[in-house]
Protein backbone atom coordinates (compact mmCIF):
# COMPACT_ATOMS: atom_id res chain seq x y z
CA MET A 1 0.05 -0.03 -0.27
CA GLN A 2 1.31 3.38 -0.87
CA VAL A 3 0.49 6.33 1.17
CA PRO A 4 1.52 9.95 0.37
CA ARG A 5 4.56 10.80 2.63
CA LEU A 6 2.99 14.11 3.65
CA ASN A 7 -0.02 11.90 5.49
CA VAL A 8 2.41 10.02 7.54
CA GLN A 9 5.74 12.04 7.90
CA HIS A 10 4.53 12.92 11.61
CA ARG A 11 4.44 9.53 12.50
CA LEU A 12 7.42 8.45 10.92
CA ASP A 13 9.31 11.18 12.66
CA THR A 14 7.82 10.05 16.31
CA GLY A 15 8.56 6.34 15.52
CA GLN A 16 4.79 5.53 15.46
CA LEU A 17 5.20 4.10 12.14
CA PRO A 18 8.13 2.36 11.32
CA GLU A 19 9.60 2.53 7.76
CA VAL A 20 9.95 -0.79 6.34
CA MET A 21 11.82 -0.28 3.10
CA PRO A 22 13.40 3.18 3.34
CA GLY A 23 15.37 2.86 0.12
CA TRP A 24 12.76 2.06 -2.10
CA ARG A 25 10.23 4.54 -3.45
CA ALA A 26 7.59 3.96 -6.16
CA ALA A 27 7.62 5.88 -9.47
CA SER A 28 5.95 9.05 -9.70
CA MET A 29 2.54 9.12 -11.46
CA PRO A 30 0.81 11.82 -13.47
CA VAL A 31 -2.39 13.16 -12.21
CA SER A 32 -4.88 14.80 -14.68
CA LEU A 33 -8.03 16.53 -13.55
CA LEU A 34 -10.95 17.52 -15.92
CA HIS A 35 -13.71 19.58 -14.78
CA PRO A 36 -16.51 21.48 -16.37
CA HIS A 37 -16.71 25.29 -17.14
CA ARG A 38 -18.22 27.03 -13.89
CA ARG A 39 -21.27 28.11 -16.08
CA GLN A 40 -21.97 24.38 -17.11
CA ARG A 41 -21.13 22.90 -13.34
CA SER A 42 -24.00 21.34 -11.24
CA GLN A 43 -24.22 22.72 -7.80
CA ARG A 44 -24.24 19.00 -7.00
CA LEU A 45 -20.63 18.91 -7.99
CA GLY A 46 -19.18 21.41 -5.54
CA VAL A 47 -17.16 20.27 -2.68
CA PRO A 48 -17.97 22.21 0.79
CA GLY A 49 -15.15 24.40 1.72
CA VAL A 50 -13.29 24.76 -1.81
CA VAL A 51 -13.69 27.53 -3.65
CA ALA A 52 -12.65 27.21 -7.48
CA ARG A 53 -10.68 30.27 -9.02
């Protein structure tokens, strides 16, 4: 299982979570995001607390 390091860094630093394979890193993967134009967006697609520019 691969978890973003940012999500577990504190636990790694405090020793709560041991790093099992410290020399191994998974290859980075590209991420794509598609979204409708603001005028065509349904209110149901909105995420509470997130404001799009």
